[in-house]
Amino acid sequence: MATPQELARFESGPQNPRERVWWDRYSHERLNAWRQVQDPLADRCAAQIKFTRPSGLLEEVEKRAREEGGDFQAFLDHCYSVPAWVDFDAMELGRRMYRRNGALQGLVLMCSSLVEGYAHNKPSQVLVATGRLQKDVSRRIYETGQMLHNIVGDDGIRPGSLGHRTLMEVRLLHAAVRQFLANNPRWDNAKYDLPINQEDMAGTILEF
């Protein structure tokens, strides 16, 4: 959470042209727009399949893509399309550092990243609504740790790798959760914004 000093600094506004660029790019207006964007490709898939175990979601999408194409194939095509700016070689040093300091990163995850994430009111409401912040905390922490372990494997997140498949599974799991909350009268979009939106996910990446 922001400290009093950080809030005061924010109130003073940008102090130079470089700060002005960042100030405009991450203004409340722009961030608010991202709070209304989720993951249309994954969401369309989740709307057409019955929820199973997380890994089962990807297997189902792959099966339906072979049989039907459509939204399922569109999701897979998108996941296997690597943006031009991605440099897997540049990621290699970070991957090695993460693997080398696995025990320390686990401690940071447990005592800082997850705690900080749970302290944010709107995103944490998703965990409250699904019961995952009360009933199976240990399992959630294990799953998060397993995801991080997978994405720093030997092939990192290159298409087709274990890490890449894990991220695809997470996208589909998030879509399944959004599907569940869309039919939950207790979820208030006006109060909490759209669940698991793009701003929430960007914030999670920064925490980790």
C-alpha atoms as a PDB file:
ATOM      1  CA  MET A   1       0.000   0.000   0.000  1.00  0.00           C
ATOM      2  CA  ALA A   2       1.159   3.581  -0.639  1.00  0.00           C
ATOM      3  CA  THR A   3       2.914   5.370   2.228  1.00  0.00           C
ATOM      4  CA  PRO A   4       1.936   8.929   3.281  1.00  0.00           C
ATOM      5  CA  GLN A   5       5.123  10.160   1.602  1.00  0.00           C
ATOM      6  CA  GLU A   6       4.246   8.401  -1.644  1.00  0.00           C
ATOM      7  CA  LEU A   7       0.727   9.805  -1.596  1.00  0.00           C
ATOM      8  CA  ALA A   8       2.111  13.316  -1.029  1.00  0.00           C
ATOM      9  CA  ARG A   9       4.542  12.797  -3.892  1.00  0.00           C
ATOM     10  CA  PHE A  10       1.662  11.709  -6.112  1.00  0.00           C
ATOM     11  CA  GLU A  11      -0.362  14.788  -5.222  1.00  0.00           C
ATOM     12  CA  SER A  12       2.516  17.029  -6.278  1.00  0.00           C
ATOM     13  CA  GLY A  13       2.286  15.743  -9.861  1.00  0.00           C
ATOM     14  CA  PRO A  14       5.072  15.136 -12.427  1.00  0.00           C
ATOM     15  CA  GLN A  15       8.252  17.116 -11.912  1.00  0.00           C
ATOM     16  CA  ASN A  16       9.813  16.826 -15.380  1.00  0.00           C
ATOM     17  CA  PRO A  17       8.935  15.792 -18.978  1.00  0.00           C
ATOM     18  CA  ARG A  18       9.992  12.178 -18.418  1.00  0.00           C
ATOM     19  CA  GLU A  19       7.727  11.843 -15.403  1.00  0.00           C
ATOM     20  CA  ARG A  20       4.908  13.431 -17.410  1.00  0.00           C
ATOM     21  CA  VAL A  21       5.067  10.563 -19.939  1.00  0.00           C
ATOM     22  CA  TRP A  22       4.626   7.965 -17.192  1.00  0.00           C
ATOM     23  CA  TRP A  23       2.034  10.091 -15.430  1.00  0.00           C
ATOM     24  CA  ASP A  24      -0.126  10.164 -18.551  1.00  0.00           C
ATOM     25  CA  ARG A  25       0.435   6.521 -19.474  1.00  0.00           C
ATOM     26  CA  TYR A  26      -0.640   5.291 -16.047  1.00  0.00           C
ATOM     27  CA  SER A  27      -3.264   7.898 -15.218  1.00  0.00           C
ATOM     28  CA  HIS A  28      -6.375   6.878 -13.301  1.00  0.00           C
ATOM     29  CA  GLU A  29      -8.402   7.278 -16.489  1.00  0.00           C
ATOM     30  CA  ARG A  30      -6.231   4.839 -18.448  1.00  0.00           C
ATOM     31  CA  LEU A  31      -6.019   2.329 -15.619  1.00  0.00           C
ATOM     32  CA  ASN A  32      -9.764   2.506 -15.149  1.00  0.00           C
ATOM     33  CA  ALA A  33     -10.201   1.491 -18.788  1.00  0.00           C
ATOM     34  CA  TRP A  34      -8.082  -1.636 -18.175  1.00  0.00           C
ATOM     35  CA  ARG A  35     -10.299  -2.503 -15.209  1.00  0.00           C
ATOM     36  CA  GLN A  36     -13.059  -3.110 -17.748  1.00  0.00           C
ATOM     37  CA  VAL A  37     -10.994  -5.507 -19.902  1.00  0.00           C
ATOM     38  CA  GLN A  38     -10.660  -9.195 -19.065  1.00  0.00           C
ATOM     39  CA  ASP A  39      -9.518 -11.984 -21.435  1.00  0.00           C
ATOM     40  CA  PRO A  40     -12.078 -12.356 -24.243  1.00  0.00           C
ATOM     41  CA  LEU A  41     -10.370 -15.289 -25.959  1.00  0.00           C
ATOM     42  CA  ALA A  42     -10.171 -17.409 -22.819  1.00  0.00           C
ATOM     43  CA  ASP A  43     -13.580 -16.242 -21.624  1.00  0.00           C
ATOM     44  CA  ARG A  44     -15.285 -17.408 -24.821  1.00  0.00           C
ATOM     45  CA  CYS A  45     -13.750 -20.845 -24.348  1.00  0.00           C
ATOM     46  CA  ALA A  46     -14.781 -21.066 -20.689  1.00  0.00           C
ATOM     47  CA  ALA A  47     -18.353 -20.118 -21.562  1.00  0.00           C
ATOM     48  CA  GLN A  48     -18.614 -23.234 -23.741  1.00  0.00           C
ATOM     49  CA  ILE A  49     -17.043 -25.885 -21.513  1.00  0.00           C
ATOM     50  CA  LYS A  50     -17.849 -27.356 -18.139  1.00  0.00           C
ATOM     51  CA  PHE A  51     -15.278 -26.632 -15.457  1.00  0.00           C
ATOM     52  CA  THR A  52     -12.969 -29.523 -14.558  1.00  0.00           C
ATOM     53  CA  ARG A  53      -9.613 -29.631 -12.830  1.00  0.00           C
ATOM     54  CA  PRO A  54      -7.323 -26.760 -13.996  1.00  0.00           C
ATOM     55  CA  SER A  55      -5.163 -28.954 -16.235  1.00  0.00           C
ATOM     56  CA  GLY A  56      -8.316 -30.501 -17.654  1.00  0.00           C
ATOM     57  CA  LEU A  57      -9.398 -27.136 -19.021  1.00  0.00           C
ATOM     58  CA  LEU A  58      -6.481 -26.918 -21.442  1.00  0.00           C
ATOM     59  CA  GLU A  59      -6.907 -30.530 -22.497  1.00  0.00           C
ATOM     60  CA  GLU A  60     -10.570 -29.838 -23.214  1.00  0.00           C
ATOM     61  CA  VAL A  61      -9.757 -26.725 -25.243  1.00  0.00           C
ATOM     62  CA  GLU A  62      -7.192 -28.632 -27.302  1.00  0.00           C
ATOM     63  CA  LYS A  63      -9.678 -31.439 -27.921  1.00  0.00           C
ATOM     64  CA  ARG A  64     -12.430 -29.031 -28.946  1.00  0.00           C
ATOM     65  CA  ALA A  65      -9.998 -27.114 -31.171  1.00  0.00           C
ATOM     66  CA  ARG A  66      -9.266 -30.320 -33.111  1.00  0.00           C
ATOM     67  CA  GLU A  67     -12.957 -31.165 -33.397  1.00  0.00           C
ATOM     68  CA  GLU A  68     -14.571 -27.738 -33.815  1.00  0.00           C
ATOM     69  CA  GLY A  69     -11.929 -25.059 -34.331  1.00  0.00           C
ATOM     70  CA  GLY A  70     -13.656 -21.738 -33.714  1.00  0.00           C
ATOM     71  CA  ASP A  71     -13.048 -19.994 -30.384  1.00  0.00           C
ATOM     72  CA  PHE A  72     -10.937 -22.892 -29.119  1.00  0.00           C
ATOM     73  CA  GLN A  73      -8.520 -22.753 -32.033  1.00  0.00           C
ATOM     74  CA  ALA A  74      -8.422 -18.947 -31.820  1.00  0.00           C
ATOM     75  CA  PHE A  75      -7.276 -19.201 -28.195  1.00  0.00           C
ATOM     76  CA  LEU A  76      -4.530 -21.688 -29.051  1.00  0.00           C
ATOM     77  CA  ASP A  77      -3.377 -19.667 -32.058  1.00  0.00           C
ATOM     78  CA  HIS A  78      -3.083 -16.590 -29.889  1.00  0.00           C
ATOM     79  CA  CYS A  79      -1.136 -18.452 -27.194  1.00  0.00           C
ATOM     80  CA  TYR A  80       1.361 -19.776 -29.744  1.00  0.00           C
ATOM     81  CA  SER A  81       1.844 -16.403 -31.486  1.00  0.00           C
ATOM     82  CA  VAL A  82       4.949 -14.787 -30.008  1.00  0.00           C
ATOM     83  CA  PRO A  83       5.021 -10.943 -30.178  1.00  0.00           C
ATOM     84  CA  ALA A  84       7.957  -9.466 -32.090  1.00  0.00           C
ATOM     85  CA  TRP A  85       9.295  -7.732 -28.962  1.00  0.00           C
ATOM     86  CA  VAL A  86       9.731 -10.976 -27.002  1.00  0.00           C
ATOM     87  CA  ASP A  87      13.393 -11.959 -26.511  1.00  0.00           C
ATOM     88  CA  PHE A  88      13.704 -15.367 -24.857  1.00  0.00           C
ATOM     89  CA  ASP A  89      17.509 -15.077 -24.736  1.00  0.00           C
ATOM     90  CA  ALA A  90      17.209 -11.868 -22.734  1.00  0.00           C
ATOM     91  CA  MET A  91      14.980 -13.712 -20.234  1.00  0.00           C
ATOM     92  CA  GLU A  92      17.542 -16.440 -19.679  1.00  0.00           C
ATOM     93  CA  LEU A  93      19.583 -14.610 -17.013  1.00  0.00           C
ATOM     94  CA  GLY A  94      16.434 -13.917 -14.991  1.00  0.00           C
ATOM     95  CA  ARG A  95      15.328 -17.549 -15.329  1.00  0.00           C
ATOM     96  CA  ARG A  96      18.664 -18.798 -14.023  1.00  0.00           C
ATOM     97  CA  MET A  97      18.677 -16.329 -11.139  1.00  0.00           C
ATOM     98  CA  TYR A  98      15.185 -17.435 -10.152  1.00  0.00           C
ATOM     99  CA  ARG A  99      16.167 -21.108 -10.220  1.00  0.00           C
ATOM    100  CA  ARG A 100      19.377 -20.482  -8.268  1.00  0.00           C
ATOM    101  CA  ASN A 101      17.523 -18.649  -5.502  1.00  0.00           C
ATOM    102  CA  GLY A 102      14.479 -20.906  -5.314  1.00  0.00           C
ATOM    103  CA  ALA A 103      14.369 -21.103  -1.508  1.00  0.00           C
ATOM    104  CA  LEU A 104      14.646 -17.336  -1.155  1.00  0.00           C
ATOM    105  CA  GLN A 105      11.987 -16.625  -3.774  1.00  0.00           C
ATOM    106  CA  GLY A 106       9.651 -18.976  -1.913  1.00  0.00           C
ATOM    107  CA  LEU A 107      10.192 -16.987   1.274  1.00  0.00           C
ATOM    108  CA  VAL A 108       9.570 -13.693  -0.547  1.00  0.00           C
ATOM    109  CA  LEU A 109       6.431 -15.152  -2.119  1.00  0.00           C
ATOM    110  CA  MET A 110       5.032 -16.305   1.220  1.00  0.00           C
ATOM    111  CA  CYS A 111       5.963 -13.282   3.310  1.00  0.00           C
ATOM    112  CA  SER A 112       5.645 -10.429   0.831  1.00  0.00           C
ATOM    113  CA  SER A 113       4.165 -10.911  -2.645  1.00  0.00           C
ATOM    114  CA  LEU A 114       1.052 -12.882  -1.679  1.00  0.00           C
ATOM    115  CA  VAL A 115       0.480 -10.844   1.476  1.00  0.00           C
ATOM    116  CA  GLU A 116       0.703  -7.605  -0.497  1.00  0.00           C
ATOM    117  CA  GLY A 117      -1.719  -8.954  -3.079  1.00  0.00           C
ATOM    118  CA  TYR A 118      -4.229 -10.020  -0.439  1.00  0.00           C
ATOM    119  CA  ALA A 119      -4.088  -6.511   1.043  1.00  0.00           C
ATOM    120  CA  HIS A 120      -5.603  -4.975  -2.097  1.00  0.00           C
ATOM    121  CA  ASN A 121      -9.345  -4.829  -1.566  1.00  0.00           C
ATOM    122  CA  LYS A 122     -10.787  -5.286  -5.054  1.00  0.00           C
ATOM    123  CA  PRO A 123      -8.620  -8.145  -6.408  1.00  0.00           C
ATOM    124  CA  SER A 124      -8.782 -10.047  -3.109  1.00  0.00           C
ATOM    125  CA  GLN A 125     -12.583 -10.054  -3.307  1.00  0.00           C
ATOM    126  CA  VAL A 126     -12.267 -12.700  -6.021  1.00  0.00           C
ATOM    127  CA  LEU A 127     -10.585 -15.042  -3.538  1.00  0.00           C
ATOM    128  CA  VAL A 128     -13.193 -14.232  -0.913  1.00  0.00           C
ATOM    129  CA  ALA A 129     -16.059 -14.879  -3.332  1.00  0.00           C
ATOM    130  CA  THR A 130     -14.626 -18.239  -4.416  1.00  0.00           C
ATOM    131  CA  GLY A 131     -13.686 -19.241  -0.861  1.00  0.00           C
ATOM    132  CA  ARG A 132     -10.014 -19.657  -1.744  1.00  0.00           C
ATOM    133  CA  LEU A 133      -8.863 -17.134   0.855  1.00  0.00           C
ATOM    134  CA  GLN A 134     -10.601 -19.000   3.663  1.00  0.00           C
ATOM    135  CA  LYS A 135     -10.861 -22.722   2.879  1.00  0.00           C
ATOM    136  CA  ASP A 136      -7.819 -23.925   0.948  1.00  0.00           C
ATOM    137  CA  VAL A 137      -5.105 -21.332   1.483  1.00  0.00           C
ATOM    138  CA  SER A 138      -2.320 -23.929   1.654  1.00  0.00           C
ATOM    139  CA  ARG A 139      -3.366 -25.458  -1.650  1.00  0.00           C
ATOM    140  CA  ARG A 140      -3.517 -22.050  -3.316  1.00  0.00           C
ATOM    141  CA  ILE A 141      -0.011 -21.201  -2.110  1.00  0.00           C
ATOM    142  CA  TYR A 142       1.256 -24.556  -3.359  1.00  0.00           C
ATOM    143  CA  GLU A 143      -0.353 -24.026  -6.770  1.00  0.00           C
ATOM    144  CA  THR A 144       1.190 -20.570  -7.062  1.00  0.00           C
ATOM    145  CA  GLY A 145       4.605 -21.909  -6.145  1.00  0.00           C
ATOM    146  CA  GLN A 146       4.228 -24.752  -8.659  1.00  0.00           C
ATOM    147  CA  MET A 147       3.335 -22.273 -11.392  1.00  0.00           C
ATOM    148  CA  LEU A 148       6.475 -20.239 -10.689  1.00  0.00           C
ATOM    149  CA  HIS A 149       8.577 -23.410 -10.652  1.00  0.00           C
ATOM    150  CA  ASN A 150       7.176 -24.472 -14.022  1.00  0.00           C
ATOM    151  CA  ILE A 151       7.738 -21.161 -15.800  1.00  0.00           C
ATOM    152  CA  VAL A 152      11.431 -21.102 -14.851  1.00  0.00           C
ATOM    153  CA  GLY A 153      12.024 -24.655 -16.084  1.00  0.00           C
ATOM    154  CA  ASP A 154      14.698 -25.462 -18.654  1.00  0.00           C
ATOM    155  CA  ASP A 155      12.647 -24.119 -21.572  1.00  0.00           C
ATOM    156  CA  GLY A 156      11.169 -21.195 -19.628  1.00  0.00           C
ATOM    157  CA  ILE A 157       7.952 -20.025 -21.249  1.00  0.00           C
ATOM    158  CA  ARG A 158       8.807 -20.842 -24.857  1.00  0.00           C
ATOM    159  CA  PRO A 159       5.754 -22.079 -26.784  1.00  0.00           C
ATOM    160  CA  GLY A 160       5.138 -25.745 -26.087  1.00  0.00           C
ATOM    161  CA  SER A 161       7.157 -25.818 -22.863  1.00  0.00           C
ATOM    162  CA  LEU A 162       5.771 -26.859 -19.474  1.00  0.00           C
ATOM    163  CA  GLY A 163       5.877 -23.235 -18.331  1.00  0.00           C
ATOM    164  CA  HIS A 164       3.974 -22.100 -21.409  1.00  0.00           C
ATOM    165  CA  ARG A 165       1.282 -24.733 -20.902  1.00  0.00           C
ATOM    166  CA  THR A 166       1.013 -23.754 -17.248  1.00  0.00           C
ATOM    167  CA  LEU A 167       0.334 -20.138 -18.189  1.00  0.00           C
ATOM    168  CA  MET A 168      -2.311 -21.253 -20.674  1.00  0.00           C
ATOM    169  CA  GLU A 169      -3.957 -23.297 -17.918  1.00  0.00           C
ATOM    170  CA  VAL A 170      -3.923 -20.281 -15.601  1.00  0.00           C
ATOM    171  CA  ARG A 171      -5.603 -18.136 -18.259  1.00  0.00           C
ATOM    172  CA  LEU A 172      -8.356 -20.706 -18.618  1.00  0.00           C
ATOM    173  CA  LEU A 173      -8.707 -21.121 -14.858  1.00  0.00           C
ATOM    174  CA  HIS A 174      -9.124 -17.357 -14.508  1.00  0.00           C
ATOM    175  CA  ALA A 175     -11.758 -17.476 -17.238  1.00  0.00           C
ATOM    176  CA  ALA A 176     -13.607 -20.234 -15.374  1.00  0.00           C
ATOM    177  CA  VAL A 177     -13.566 -18.119 -12.206  1.00  0.00           C
ATOM    178  CA  ARG A 178     -14.916 -15.121 -14.116  1.00  0.00           C
ATOM    179  CA  GLN A 179     -17.657 -17.351 -15.520  1.00  0.00           C
ATOM    180  CA  PHE A 180     -18.560 -18.416 -11.981  1.00  0.00           C
ATOM    181  CA  LEU A 181     -18.631 -14.841 -10.684  1.00  0.00           C
ATOM    182  CA  ALA A 182     -20.683 -13.626 -13.645  1.00  0.00           C
ATOM    183  CA  ASN A 183     -23.509 -15.795 -12.329  1.00  0.00           C
ATOM    184  CA  ASN A 184     -22.915 -14.882  -8.679  1.00  0.00           C
ATOM    185  CA  PRO A 185     -25.358 -12.214  -7.417  1.00  0.00           C
ATOM    186  CA  ARG A 186     -22.928 -11.331  -4.626  1.00  0.00           C
ATOM    187  CA  TRP A 187     -20.350  -9.986  -7.072  1.00  0.00           C
ATOM    188  CA  ASP A 188     -20.820  -6.264  -7.716  1.00  0.00           C
ATOM    189  CA  ASN A 189     -19.020  -5.032 -10.845  1.00  0.00           C
ATOM    190  CA  ALA A 190     -19.747  -1.411  -9.967  1.00  0.00           C
ATOM    191  CA  LYS A 191     -18.055  -1.843  -6.588  1.00  0.00           C
ATOM    192  CA  TYR A 192     -15.215  -4.240  -7.411  1.00  0.00           C
ATOM    193  CA  ASP A 193     -14.758  -3.747 -11.198  1.00  0.00           C
ATOM    194  CA  LEU A 194     -14.761  -6.730 -13.556  1.00  0.00           C
ATOM    195  CA  PRO A 195     -13.106  -9.709 -11.818  1.00  0.00           C
ATOM    196  CA  ILE A 196      -9.542 -10.642 -12.745  1.00  0.00           C
ATOM    197  CA  ASN A 197      -9.215  -7.736 -15.151  1.00  0.00           C
ATOM    198  CA  GLN A 198      -6.093  -6.570 -16.967  1.00  0.00           C
ATOM    199  CA  GLU A 199      -5.108  -4.085 -14.264  1.00  0.00           C
ATOM    200  CA  ASP A 200      -5.372  -6.819 -11.619  1.00  0.00           C
ATOM    201  CA  MET A 201      -3.092  -9.091 -13.630  1.00  0.00           C
ATOM    202  CA  ALA A 202      -0.552  -6.347 -14.313  1.00  0.00           C
ATOM    203  CA  GLY A 203      -0.482  -5.569 -10.595  1.00  0.00           C
ATOM    204  CA  THR A 204       0.106  -9.236  -9.787  1.00  0.00           C
ATOM    205  CA  ILE A 205       3.068  -9.380 -12.150  1.00  0.00           C
ATOM    206  CA  LEU A 206       4.585  -6.325 -10.453  1.00  0.00           C
ATOM    207  CA  GLU A 207       4.141  -7.904  -7.027  1.00  0.00           C
ATOM    208  CA  PHE A 208       5.889 -11.078  -8.086  1.00  0.00           C
END
